[in-house]
N, C-alpha and C. Protein backbone atom coordinates (compact mmCIF):
# COMPACT_ATOMS: atom_id res chain seq x y z
N MET A 1 1.84 12.19 11.31
CA MET A 1 2.18 11.26 12.17
C MET A 1 2.42 11.94 13.78
N THR A 2 3.03 13.27 13.44
CA THR A 2 3.61 13.73 14.73
C THR A 2 2.20 14.37 15.29
N VAL A 3 1.36 15.18 14.41
CA VAL A 3 -0.03 15.66 14.87
C VAL A 3 -0.76 14.56 15.61
N MET A 4 -0.79 13.40 15.04
CA MET A 4 -1.71 12.40 15.28
C MET A 4 -1.08 11.86 16.85
N THR A 5 0.30 11.67 16.83
CA THR A 5 0.79 11.43 18.26
C THR A 5 0.76 12.39 19.27
N GLU A 6 1.11 13.51 18.74
CA GLU A 6 1.07 14.63 20.08
C GLU A 6 -0.51 14.86 20.45
N LYS A 7 -1.20 14.75 19.50
CA LYS A 7 -2.73 14.83 19.99
C LYS A 7 -3.84 13.92 20.32
N HIS A 8 -2.94 12.66 20.47
CA HIS A 8 -3.52 11.15 20.45
C HIS A 8 -4.68 10.95 19.75
N ILE A 9 -4.53 11.45 18.35
CA ILE A 9 -5.83 11.01 17.22
C ILE A 9 -5.17 9.91 16.45
N ARG A 10 -6.27 8.79 16.25
CA ARG A 10 -5.75 7.35 15.52
C ARG A 10 -6.02 7.63 13.95
N HIS A 11 -7.10 8.60 13.76
CA HIS A 11 -7.44 8.76 12.26
C HIS A 11 -7.23 10.37 11.84
N LEU A 12 -7.11 10.74 10.69
CA LEU A 12 -7.10 11.82 10.16
C LEU A 12 -7.80 11.77 8.62
N PRO A 13 -8.69 12.56 8.63
CA PRO A 13 -9.40 12.82 7.30
C PRO A 13 -8.80 13.16 6.10
N VAL A 14 -8.65 12.80 5.23
CA VAL A 14 -7.94 13.45 3.95
C VAL A 14 -9.07 14.17 2.89
N VAL A 15 -8.86 15.42 3.20
CA VAL A 15 -9.70 16.25 2.30
C VAL A 15 -9.23 17.14 1.27
N GLU A 16 -10.09 17.31 0.35
CA GLU A 16 -9.66 18.01 -1.02
C GLU A 16 -10.93 18.91 -1.30
N ARG A 17 -10.65 20.17 -1.17
CA ARG A 17 -11.90 21.11 -1.41
C ARG A 17 -13.13 20.84 -0.95
N GLU A 18 -13.05 20.55 0.28
CA GLU A 18 -14.15 20.24 1.33
C GLU A 18 -14.74 19.00 0.93
N GLU A 19 -13.99 18.04 0.37
CA GLU A 19 -14.58 16.50 0.05
C GLU A 19 -13.71 15.54 0.44
N LEU A 20 -14.51 14.65 1.42
CA LEU A 20 -13.67 13.69 2.10
C LEU A 20 -12.98 12.68 1.00
N LEU A 21 -11.82 12.66 0.93
CA LEU A 21 -11.15 11.32 0.01
C LEU A 21 -11.08 10.24 0.67
N GLY A 22 -10.56 10.31 1.80
CA GLY A 22 -10.43 8.90 2.84
C GLY A 22 -9.94 9.06 3.98
N MET A 23 -9.43 8.19 4.71
CA MET A 23 -8.88 8.23 6.14
C MET A 23 -7.37 7.88 6.28
N VAL A 24 -6.56 8.31 7.27
CA VAL A 24 -5.36 7.95 7.22
C VAL A 24 -5.29 7.41 8.68
N SER A 25 -4.86 6.17 9.06
CA SER A 25 -4.68 6.07 10.42
C SER A 25 -3.27 6.05 11.14
N ILE A 26 -3.00 6.09 12.15
CA ILE A 26 -1.58 5.86 12.54
C ILE A 26 -0.85 4.66 12.03
N GLY A 27 -1.60 3.47 12.13
CA GLY A 27 -1.12 2.33 11.39
C GLY A 27 -0.70 2.55 9.90
N ASP A 28 -1.28 3.19 9.16
CA ASP A 28 -0.84 3.53 7.77
C ASP A 28 0.29 4.09 8.09
N CYS A 29 0.55 5.13 8.80
CA CYS A 29 1.87 5.84 9.05
C CYS A 29 3.06 5.03 9.48
N VAL A 30 2.44 4.15 10.36
CA VAL A 30 3.87 3.18 10.96
C VAL A 30 4.19 2.43 10.01
N LYS A 31 3.33 1.67 9.03
CA LYS A 31 3.58 0.71 8.05
C LYS A 31 4.49 1.41 6.80
N TRP A 32 3.84 2.94 6.62
CA TRP A 32 4.91 3.55 5.50
C TRP A 32 6.29 3.67 6.06
N ILE A 33 6.47 4.09 7.29
CA ILE A 33 7.76 4.36 8.00
C ILE A 33 8.45 3.02 7.83
N ILE A 34 7.76 1.74 8.31
CA ILE A 34 8.57 0.62 8.46
C ILE A 34 9.05 0.12 6.85
N ALA A 35 8.22 0.46 6.17
CA ALA A 35 8.84 -0.08 4.60
C ALA A 35 9.81 1.02 3.92
N ASP A 36 9.84 2.09 4.36
CA ASP A 36 10.79 3.15 4.04
C ASP A 36 12.20 2.64 4.71
N GLN A 37 12.15 2.45 5.91
CA GLN A 37 13.59 1.90 6.69
C GLN A 37 13.89 0.87 5.86
N LYS A 38 13.18 -0.12 5.71
CA LYS A 38 13.60 -1.24 5.09
C LYS A 38 14.08 -1.22 3.80
N GLN A 39 13.58 -0.44 3.01
CA GLN A 39 14.01 0.13 1.73
C GLN A 39 15.47 0.69 2.07
N MET A 40 15.61 1.65 2.79
CA MET A 40 16.83 2.20 2.98
C MET A 40 17.93 1.39 3.49
N ILE A 41 17.61 0.13 4.42
CA ILE A 41 18.63 -0.63 4.87
C ILE A 41 18.89 -1.50 3.69
N SER A 42 17.96 -1.79 2.92
CA SER A 42 18.42 -2.78 1.78
C SER A 42 19.46 -1.99 0.86
N GLN A 43 19.22 -0.66 0.63
CA GLN A 43 20.22 -0.04 -0.46
C GLN A 43 21.48 0.28 0.42
N LEU A 44 21.65 0.38 1.62
CA LEU A 44 22.98 0.58 2.40
C LEU A 44 23.38 -0.80 2.28
N GLU A 45 22.81 -1.85 2.53
CA GLU A 45 23.58 -3.18 2.51
C GLU A 45 24.09 -3.26 0.97
N SER A 46 23.59 -2.92 -0.06
CA SER A 46 23.77 -3.18 -1.33
C SER A 46 25.04 -2.14 -1.50
N TYR A 47 25.19 -1.07 -1.22
CA TYR A 47 26.22 0.00 -1.31
C TYR A 47 27.33 -0.75 -0.61
N ILE A 48 27.13 -1.11 0.46
CA ILE A 48 28.27 -1.50 1.31
C ILE A 48 29.05 -2.93 0.87
N THR A 49 28.10 -3.81 -0.02
CA THR A 49 28.56 -4.96 -0.25
C THR A 49 29.12 -4.81 -1.51
N SER A 50 28.97 -3.90 -2.54
CA SER A 50 29.40 -3.74 -3.91
C SER A 50 30.72 -2.82 -4.10
């Protein structure tokens, strides 16, 4: 995500051994970060209330 933001790139190829496996978009990265933060908040709320 850092590379994508710094270089103003919206999509990056996912390559293994010169074979294109797919594409990752900046939106995919943002969705993953939001989901990760929601999970962390939920865990912290559970810890605090227990």
